[in-house]
Amino acid sequence: MRQTTIKDEVFFEGVGLHSGKNVKMKLKPASIDSGIFFKRIDLPNEPQIKAIAENVTATIRATTLEENGAKVYTIEHLMSALHVLKIDNCEIELNAEEPPVMMGNSIDFFEMIKAVGVVEQSAERREIIIEKIYRVEEKNKFIIALPSNELRISFTSINPHKLIGIQYEDFIIDEENYKKEIAPARTIAYEKEIEGLRSMGLGLGGTLENVIVYNDERWLNNLIYDDELVRHKILDVIGDLRLCGIIRGHIIAAASGHALNTKLSKIISADFK
């Protein structure tokens, strides 16, 4: 297998999910062994931030990367699409600290990158092939990586709310399944949490178009899937694990979030170095 990059530039514009700021983002082809990296063109000297597990510094409601005195956060939806499309090298220009939220999922990223196309490069890909068991756990939450011939994710979401409860999905992650079953799944919020989140400077770009919201009695918007929450959790896992590379393995998780996902990425990344 050869490394890949995108054939041409792809442009996105919108607001950040948490910052609420207007942002323009451009994905550009990148050279062999560049990896995926962000460039903050709004900052002096346009610092670059590599999308690698070692650069994760925070995981509150999103995954944050920091390097060279700059940071980007809520990168998991974009990284998820890049993972499934098996993009090895890509430059991501941003004029703010957060990619646009789009529809709160990864479908726009996936479809627009897919439309512009992927091109093979001359160097071989360094795929992360899981050959032993990795496990990260915290109280009643865990995420495990097992050997498999393909990327497969089995996720159990556990939520005490009567509208949600326990949700489980198990998918082989290929482009067809991802587009149909995972990429459209949006991020989620509990109505009573929103005011608190916004007081912390989070969720300022969230709307009923890009976030599914529930209260004690009902959903405030229509769901795309009955179990949209667990599907979005799988979307996030795919994005967070891309930080250690393009993976081949079976991921089994229960109630895992960005903290455990990225901790697993760091362990795998360190092992493969």
Protein backbone atom coordinates (compact mmCIF):
# COMPACT_ATOMS: atom_id res chain seq x y z
CA MET A 1 0.00 0.00 0.00
CA ARG A 2 1.18 3.49 -0.86
CA GLN A 3 0.79 6.74 1.00
CA THR A 4 -1.93 9.06 -0.22
CA THR A 5 -2.90 12.71 -0.25
CA ILE A 6 -5.84 14.63 -1.70
CA LYS A 7 -5.80 15.50 -5.41
CA ASP A 8 -6.75 19.15 -4.97
CA GLU A 9 -7.65 21.75 -2.37
CA VAL A 10 -10.94 21.54 -0.47
CA PHE A 11 -12.49 24.59 1.20
CA PHE A 12 -14.88 24.71 4.17
CA GLU A 13 -16.42 27.68 5.98
CA GLY A 14 -18.66 27.95 9.03
CA VAL A 15 -18.53 28.46 12.78
CA GLY A 16 -16.69 26.50 15.45
CA LEU A 17 -18.86 24.24 17.59
CA HIS A 18 -17.40 25.48 20.88
CA SER A 19 -15.87 28.85 20.00
CA GLY A 20 -18.81 30.08 17.91
CA LYS A 21 -16.28 31.94 15.79
CA ASN A 22 -16.42 32.19 12.02
CA VAL A 23 -13.68 30.07 10.49
CA LYS A 24 -12.33 29.28 7.05
CA MET A 25 -10.53 26.00 6.55
CA LYS A 26 -8.63 24.74 3.52
CA LEU A 27 -7.36 21.20 3.04
CA LYS A 28 -4.34 20.99 0.74
CA PRO A 29 -2.27 18.18 -0.76
CA ALA A 30 0.88 17.44 1.24
CA SER A 31 4.16 15.71 0.45
CA ILE A 32 5.24 12.20 1.38
CA ASP A 33 5.76 11.60 5.12
CA SER A 34 4.23 14.98 6.01
CA GLY A 35 1.39 13.34 7.91
CA ILE A 36 -1.72 15.31 8.73
CA PHE A 37 -0.98 18.72 10.19
CA PHE A 38 -2.83 21.94 10.95
CA LYS A 39 -1.47 25.38 10.11
CA ARG A 40 -2.79 28.40 12.06
CA ILE A 41 -2.56 31.06 9.36
CA ASP A 42 -4.15 33.63 11.71
CA LEU A 43 -1.11 33.57 14.01
CA PRO A 44 2.38 35.06 13.55
CA ASN A 45 4.71 32.73 11.65
CA GLU A 46 1.77 30.43 10.88
CA PRO A 47 2.68 27.70 13.41
CA GLN A 48 2.03 24.08 12.50
CA ILE A 49 0.44 21.47 14.76
CA LYS A 50 0.90 17.82 13.87
CA ALA A 51 -2.20 15.65 14.25
CA ILE A 52 -0.47 13.06 16.42
CA ALA A 53 -1.39 11.52 19.76
CA GLU A 54 1.60 13.06 21.53
CA ASN A 55 0.17 16.54 20.91
CA VAL A 56 -3.15 15.91 22.72
CA THR A 57 -3.38 18.26 25.71
CA ALA A 58 -7.10 18.36 26.59
CA THR A 59 -10.19 16.22 26.05
CA ILE A 60 -13.06 18.18 27.62
CA ARG A 61 -15.98 17.86 25.17
CA ALA A 62 -13.49 17.71 22.29
CA THR A 63 -9.95 16.68 21.42
CA THR A 64 -7.35 19.45 21.62
CA LEU A 65 -3.89 19.44 20.03
CA GLU A 66 -1.06 21.83 20.91
CA GLU A 67 2.38 22.39 19.39
CA ASN A 68 4.68 25.33 18.65
CA GLY A 69 2.71 27.62 20.98
CA ALA A 70 -0.56 27.11 19.10
CA LYS A 71 -3.58 24.86 19.48
CA VAL A 72 -6.55 23.47 17.59
CA TYR A 73 -9.52 21.67 19.06
CA THR A 74 -12.64 19.74 18.04
CA ILE A 75 -10.55 18.07 15.35
CA GLU A 76 -12.09 14.61 15.77
CA HIS A 77 -14.85 14.89 13.13
CA LEU A 78 -12.45 15.93 10.39
CA MET A 79 -9.87 13.37 11.50
CA SER A 80 -12.57 10.69 11.39
CA ALA A 81 -13.29 11.36 7.71
CA LEU A 82 -9.57 11.48 6.87
CA HIS A 83 -9.07 8.14 8.65
CA VAL A 84 -11.80 6.32 6.73
CA LEU A 85 -10.58 7.75 3.42
CA LYS A 86 -7.06 6.63 4.39
CA ILE A 87 -5.42 9.99 3.79
CA ASP A 88 -1.82 9.84 4.98
CA ASN A 89 -0.66 13.36 4.17
CA CYS A 90 -2.73 16.55 4.31
CA GLU A 91 -2.17 20.19 5.21
CA ILE A 92 -5.10 21.85 6.99
CA GLU A 93 -5.07 25.64 6.99
CA LEU A 94 -7.21 27.37 9.61
CA ASN A 95 -7.77 31.04 10.39
CA ALA A 96 -9.05 30.17 13.88
CA GLU A 97 -8.47 27.59 16.58
CA GLU A 98 -11.33 25.27 15.66
CA PRO A 99 -12.58 23.70 12.39
CA PRO A 100 -16.11 24.61 11.28
CA VAL A 101 -18.76 22.42 12.89
CA MET A 102 -20.71 22.03 9.63
CA MET A 103 -23.67 19.76 10.55
CA GLY A 104 -22.13 18.49 13.79
CA ASN A 105 -20.94 15.31 12.11
CA SER A 106 -18.42 14.33 9.43
CA ILE A 107 -20.56 13.82 6.34
CA ASP A 108 -19.60 17.11 4.65
CA PHE A 109 -15.91 16.47 5.26
CA PHE A 110 -16.19 12.91 3.95
CA GLU A 111 -18.18 13.76 0.82
CA MET A 112 -16.17 16.81 -0.21
CA ILE A 113 -12.82 15.08 0.23
CA LYS A 114 -14.17 12.05 -1.59
CA ALA A 115 -15.38 14.28 -4.43
CA VAL A 116 -12.02 15.95 -4.99
CA GLY A 117 -10.31 12.57 -4.97
CA VAL A 118 -7.33 10.81 -3.46
CA VAL A 119 -3.98 10.30 -5.17
CA GLU A 120 -1.35 7.67 -4.41
CA GLN A 121 2.20 8.74 -3.66
CA SER A 122 5.45 6.86 -4.27
CA ALA A 123 6.29 5.95 -0.66
CA GLU A 124 4.89 2.98 1.25
CA ARG A 125 2.26 3.54 3.94
CA ARG A 126 3.14 2.75 7.54
CA GLU A 127 -0.11 1.19 8.70
CA ILE A 128 -0.80 0.51 12.37
CA ILE A 129 -1.64 -3.21 12.51
CA ILE A 130 -2.79 -4.30 15.95
CA GLU A 131 -1.08 -7.58 16.87
CA LYS A 132 -1.70 -7.75 20.62
CA ILE A 133 -4.29 -6.59 23.13
CA TYR A 134 -4.34 -2.97 24.32
CA ARG A 135 -6.74 -1.94 27.09
CA VAL A 136 -7.44 1.39 28.77
CA GLU A 137 -10.05 1.64 31.50
CA GLU A 138 -11.43 4.00 34.10
CA LYS A 139 -14.10 2.84 36.56
CA ASN A 140 -16.94 1.50 34.39
CA LYS A 141 -15.48 2.78 31.10
CA PHE A 142 -13.00 1.05 28.82
CA ILE A 143 -11.62 0.83 25.30
CA ILE A 144 -9.72 -2.15 23.92
CA ALA A 145 -7.81 -2.78 20.70
CA LEU A 146 -7.57 -6.36 19.41
CA PRO A 147 -6.03 -7.93 16.30
CA SER A 148 -8.25 -7.95 13.21
CA ASN A 149 -7.80 -7.98 9.44
CA GLU A 150 -9.88 -4.81 9.12
CA LEU A 151 -10.92 -1.79 11.16
CA ARG A 152 -13.96 -2.81 13.19
CA ILE A 153 -15.55 -0.90 16.05
CA SER A 154 -17.98 -2.30 18.63
CA PHE A 155 -19.29 0.38 20.98
CA THR A 156 -21.67 0.26 23.94
CA SER A 157 -23.04 3.62 25.08
CA ILE A 158 -24.45 3.71 28.61
CA ASN A 159 -26.73 6.60 29.55
CA PRO A 160 -29.19 6.53 32.49
CA HIS A 161 -31.64 8.86 30.71
CA LYS A 162 -34.90 7.11 29.74
CA LEU A 163 -34.73 8.43 26.16
CA ILE A 164 -31.30 6.92 25.56
CA GLY A 165 -30.43 4.04 27.86
CA ILE A 166 -27.97 1.45 26.56
CA GLN A 167 -27.13 1.62 22.86
CA TYR A 168 -24.85 -0.78 20.99
CA GLU A 169 -23.51 -0.83 17.44
CA ASP A 170 -20.87 -2.90 15.68
CA PHE A 171 -19.50 -1.87 12.28
CA ILE A 172 -16.79 -2.87 9.87
CA ILE A 173 -15.39 0.54 8.99
CA ASP A 174 -15.23 0.95 5.24
CA GLU A 175 -16.27 3.89 3.09
CA GLU A 176 -19.73 2.54 2.30
CA ASN A 177 -20.68 1.72 5.90
CA TYR A 178 -19.18 4.96 7.15
CA LYS A 179 -21.13 7.16 4.73
CA LYS A 180 -24.41 5.37 5.34
CA GLU A 181 -24.28 4.46 9.01
CA ILE A 182 -21.81 6.73 10.84
CA ALA A 183 -20.84 10.00 9.12
CA PRO A 184 -24.33 11.61 9.37
CA ALA A 185 -24.57 11.03 13.16
CA ARG A 186 -24.45 14.36 15.00
CA THR A 187 -22.99 15.37 18.32
CA ILE A 188 -25.34 15.43 21.32
CA ALA A 189 -26.21 17.68 24.27
CA TYR A 190 -28.51 17.61 27.29
CA GLU A 191 -30.58 20.79 27.43
CA LYS A 192 -29.86 21.46 31.10
CA GLU A 193 -26.10 21.32 30.45
CA ILE A 194 -26.09 23.93 27.69
CA GLU A 195 -26.09 27.03 29.90
CA GLY A 196 -23.23 25.64 31.99
CA LEU A 197 -21.23 24.73 28.91
CA ARG A 198 -21.65 28.19 27.44
CA SER A 199 -20.54 29.79 30.69
CA MET A 200 -17.32 27.78 30.23
CA GLY A 201 -16.94 29.06 26.67
CA LEU A 202 -18.12 25.77 25.17
CA GLY A 203 -20.91 24.99 22.71
CA LEU A 204 -21.19 28.61 21.54
CA GLY A 205 -21.65 27.50 17.93
CA GLY A 206 -24.15 24.76 18.68
CA THR A 207 -27.65 24.93 17.18
CA LEU A 208 -30.51 22.50 16.66
CA GLU A 209 -29.17 22.00 13.14
CA ASN A 210 -25.78 20.68 14.21
CA VAL A 211 -26.48 19.18 17.66
CA ILE A 212 -29.15 16.72 18.76
CA VAL A 213 -30.58 18.01 22.03
CA TYR A 214 -32.72 16.23 24.61
CA ASN A 215 -34.40 17.28 27.85
CA ASP A 216 -36.15 15.28 30.58
CA GLU A 217 -39.11 14.49 28.37
CA ARG A 218 -38.21 14.52 24.68
CA TRP A 219 -35.79 15.22 21.84
CA LEU A 220 -35.89 18.82 20.67
CA ASN A 221 -35.08 17.86 17.06
CA ASN A 222 -35.60 14.89 14.79
CA LEU A 223 -33.09 12.07 14.93
CA ILE A 224 -31.43 10.64 11.84
CA TYR A 225 -31.03 7.28 13.64
CA ASP A 226 -32.80 5.96 16.74
CA ASP A 227 -29.35 5.29 18.20
CA GLU A 228 -27.61 8.39 16.85
CA LEU A 229 -25.63 8.84 20.07
CA VAL A 230 -23.68 5.59 19.84
CA ARG A 231 -23.04 6.11 16.13
CA HIS A 232 -21.53 9.52 16.86
CA LYS A 233 -19.41 7.92 19.57
CA ILE A 234 -18.04 5.55 16.93
CA LEU A 235 -17.38 8.53 14.64
CA ASP A 236 -15.34 10.13 17.45
CA VAL A 237 -13.37 6.95 18.15
CA ILE A 238 -12.35 6.74 14.49
CA GLY A 239 -11.15 10.36 14.60
CA ASP A 240 -9.30 10.08 17.90
CA LEU A 241 -7.54 6.87 16.89
CA ARG A 242 -6.31 8.45 13.64
CA LEU A 243 -3.91 10.36 15.87
CA CYS A 244 -1.77 7.22 16.13
CA GLY A 245 -2.10 6.36 12.44
CA ILE A 246 -4.27 4.48 9.99
CA ILE A 247 -5.34 1.47 12.04
CA ARG A 248 -6.22 -2.13 11.29
CA GLY A 249 -7.76 -3.76 14.37
CA HIS A 250 -10.95 -4.44 16.30
CA ILE A 251 -11.83 -1.68 18.77
CA ILE A 252 -14.25 -2.59 21.57
CA ALA A 253 -15.44 0.24 23.83
CA ALA A 254 -17.95 0.87 26.58
CA ALA A 255 -18.83 4.44 27.58
CA SER A 256 -15.49 5.67 26.25
CA GLY A 257 -14.93 9.32 25.41
CA HIS A 258 -12.13 11.51 24.09
CA ALA A 259 -9.99 11.01 27.21
CA LEU A 260 -9.83 7.22 26.94
CA ASN A 261 -9.77 7.24 23.14
CA THR A 262 -6.73 9.49 22.99
CA LYS A 263 -5.02 7.69 25.87
CA LEU A 264 -5.27 4.49 23.80
CA SER A 265 -3.90 6.39 20.80
CA LYS A 266 -0.92 7.53 22.84
CA ILE A 267 -0.15 4.00 24.06
CA ILE A 268 -0.38 2.50 20.58
CA SER A 269 1.65 5.33 19.07
CA ALA A 270 4.42 4.91 21.64
CA ASP A 271 4.48 1.16 21.06
CA PHE A 272 4.81 1.48 17.29
CA LYS A 273 7.62 4.01 17.55
